[in-house]
Amino acid sequence: MTVPSVGGVGGLDQLAQLYRQQVLTGTAGTGTDVAASAAVAAATGTDPAAAARGTDFASAIGDGLRGLENLDATARTQAVRAATGDLDEVQDYVIAANKVQFATELTTTVRNKALESFNEIMRMPL
């Protein structure tokens, strides 16, 4: 199972930066410094604790996606080693492949639940 790299859609760091700026300022922009975004948040009256939680959330999501990419890279490497006969223990490949499959399914489930929650919130009357 191959998971496409997140870097192909503008880079994970750029995505996390845009998310941080949106959380801190309430708008999506092209800021390059989290400290500057925090200053804007302070000037606009945004709660710094909420901004920190948003930054922590973005970091957690980014770390999770990087971990998934690392698991996929490991499984692909071991698949090649198993196919060429360089892998002594074939069960290592099977374990790595199962890990990446489980992680991908978990990531997809979390994404689906997040989208479902977002849609439910958007349907709420004001």
Protein backbone atom coordinates (compact mmCIF):
# COMPACT_ATOMS: atom_id res chain seq x y z
CA MET A 1 0.00 0.00 0.00
CA THR A 2 1.47 3.35 -1.00
CA VAL A 3 0.53 6.62 0.65
CA PRO A 4 1.18 9.69 -1.49
CA SER A 5 3.59 12.15 0.05
CA VAL A 6 2.01 15.17 1.71
CA GLY A 7 4.87 17.26 0.38
CA GLY A 8 3.36 17.05 -3.11
CA VAL A 9 0.51 19.41 -2.19
CA GLY A 10 2.53 22.38 -1.04
CA GLY A 11 4.40 20.75 1.80
CA LEU A 12 3.29 19.72 5.24
CA ASP A 13 5.11 22.62 6.88
CA GLN A 14 3.33 25.12 4.61
CA LEU A 15 -0.02 23.50 5.39
CA ALA A 16 0.66 23.63 9.14
CA GLN A 17 1.78 27.27 8.83
CA LEU A 18 -1.44 28.24 7.02
CA TYR A 19 -3.48 26.44 9.67
CA ARG A 20 -1.63 28.22 12.48
CA GLN A 21 -2.21 31.59 10.87
CA GLN A 22 -5.89 30.85 10.35
CA VAL A 23 -6.27 29.84 14.00
CA LEU A 24 -4.30 32.81 15.31
CA THR A 25 -5.82 35.53 13.15
CA GLY A 26 -9.09 34.05 12.03
CA THR A 27 -8.09 34.31 8.36
CA ALA A 28 -6.03 32.22 5.98
CA GLY A 29 -3.01 34.16 4.79
CA THR A 30 0.58 33.76 3.79
CA GLY A 31 2.36 34.59 7.06
CA THR A 32 5.78 33.10 7.59
CA ASP A 33 6.38 33.52 11.33
CA VAL A 34 4.34 32.02 14.14
CA ALA A 35 5.63 34.71 16.53
CA ALA A 36 4.32 37.40 14.19
CA SER A 37 1.00 35.60 14.06
CA ALA A 38 0.94 35.51 17.86
CA ALA A 39 1.54 39.27 17.89
CA VAL A 40 -1.37 39.74 15.50
CA ALA A 41 -3.49 37.52 17.74
CA ALA A 42 -2.60 39.69 20.73
CA ALA A 43 -3.41 42.87 18.81
CA THR A 44 -6.77 41.54 17.64
CA GLY A 45 -7.75 40.26 21.07
CA THR A 46 -7.57 36.57 20.19
CA ASP A 47 -7.08 34.36 23.24
CA PRO A 48 -3.37 33.37 23.38
CA ALA A 49 -4.24 30.07 25.07
CA ALA A 50 -6.59 29.22 22.22
CA ALA A 51 -3.88 30.15 19.75
CA ALA A 52 -1.41 27.86 21.53
CA ARG A 53 -3.92 25.01 21.48
CA GLY A 54 -4.44 25.55 17.76
CA THR A 55 -0.70 25.47 17.17
CA ASP A 56 -0.38 22.31 19.26
CA PHE A 57 -3.19 20.70 17.25
CA ALA A 58 -1.51 21.61 13.96
CA SER A 59 1.77 20.18 15.23
CA ALA A 60 0.07 16.97 16.36
CA ILE A 61 -1.59 16.52 12.97
CA GLY A 62 1.68 17.24 11.18
CA ASP A 63 3.61 14.82 13.38
CA GLY A 64 1.01 12.12 12.78
CA LEU A 65 1.19 12.53 9.00
CA ARG A 66 4.99 12.50 9.08
CA GLY A 67 4.85 9.30 11.13
CA LEU A 68 2.53 7.74 8.56
CA GLU A 69 4.93 8.70 5.77
CA ASN A 70 7.82 7.15 7.72
CA LEU A 71 5.89 3.90 8.23
CA ASP A 72 5.09 3.79 4.51
CA ALA A 73 8.71 4.41 3.56
CA THR A 74 9.84 1.61 5.89
CA ALA A 75 7.27 -0.81 4.44
CA ARG A 76 8.29 0.06 0.88
CA THR A 77 11.98 -0.41 1.70
CA GLN A 78 11.33 -3.77 3.32
CA ALA A 79 9.15 -4.85 0.39
CA VAL A 80 12.03 -4.18 -2.00
CA ARG A 81 14.45 -6.00 0.31
CA ALA A 82 12.05 -8.98 0.53
CA ALA A 83 11.64 -9.09 -3.25
CA THR A 84 15.39 -9.00 -3.85
CA GLY A 85 16.15 -11.58 -1.15
CA ASP A 86 18.09 -9.16 1.06
CA LEU A 87 15.59 -9.42 3.92
CA ASP A 88 16.46 -12.21 6.36
CA GLU A 89 13.18 -12.18 8.25
CA VAL A 90 10.18 -11.92 5.90
CA GLN A 91 7.85 -11.41 8.85
CA ASP A 92 9.49 -8.00 9.35
CA TYR A 93 7.99 -6.90 6.03
CA VAL A 94 4.59 -8.36 6.92
CA ILE A 95 4.62 -6.53 10.25
CA ALA A 96 5.65 -3.24 8.59
CA ALA A 97 2.96 -3.60 5.92
CA ASN A 98 0.29 -4.27 8.55
CA LYS A 99 1.45 -1.26 10.58
CA VAL A 100 1.16 1.08 7.62
CA GLN A 101 -2.22 -0.39 6.65
CA PHE A 102 -3.56 0.09 10.19
CA ALA A 103 -2.14 3.62 10.43
CA THR A 104 -3.67 4.57 7.07
CA GLU A 105 -7.06 3.20 8.08
CA LEU A 106 -6.87 5.06 11.40
CA THR A 107 -5.90 8.31 9.68
CA THR A 108 -8.74 7.95 7.20
CA THR A 109 -11.22 7.24 9.99
CA VAL A 110 -10.09 10.26 11.98
CA ARG A 111 -10.35 12.44 8.86
CA ASN A 112 -13.85 11.17 8.13
CA LYS A 113 -14.99 11.82 11.70
CA ALA A 114 -13.50 15.31 11.62
CA LEU A 115 -15.32 16.09 8.37
CA GLU A 116 -18.53 14.65 9.75
CA SER A 117 -18.19 16.82 12.86
CA PHE A 118 -17.44 19.91 10.80
CA ASN A 119 -20.48 19.31 8.60
CA GLU A 120 -22.66 18.81 11.68
CA ILE A 121 -21.42 22.09 13.15
CA MET A 122 -22.09 23.89 9.86
CA ARG A 123 -25.70 22.61 9.87
CA MET A 124 -26.37 24.09 13.31
CA PRO A 125 -28.67 27.10 13.26
CA LEU A 126 -27.27 30.32 14.68
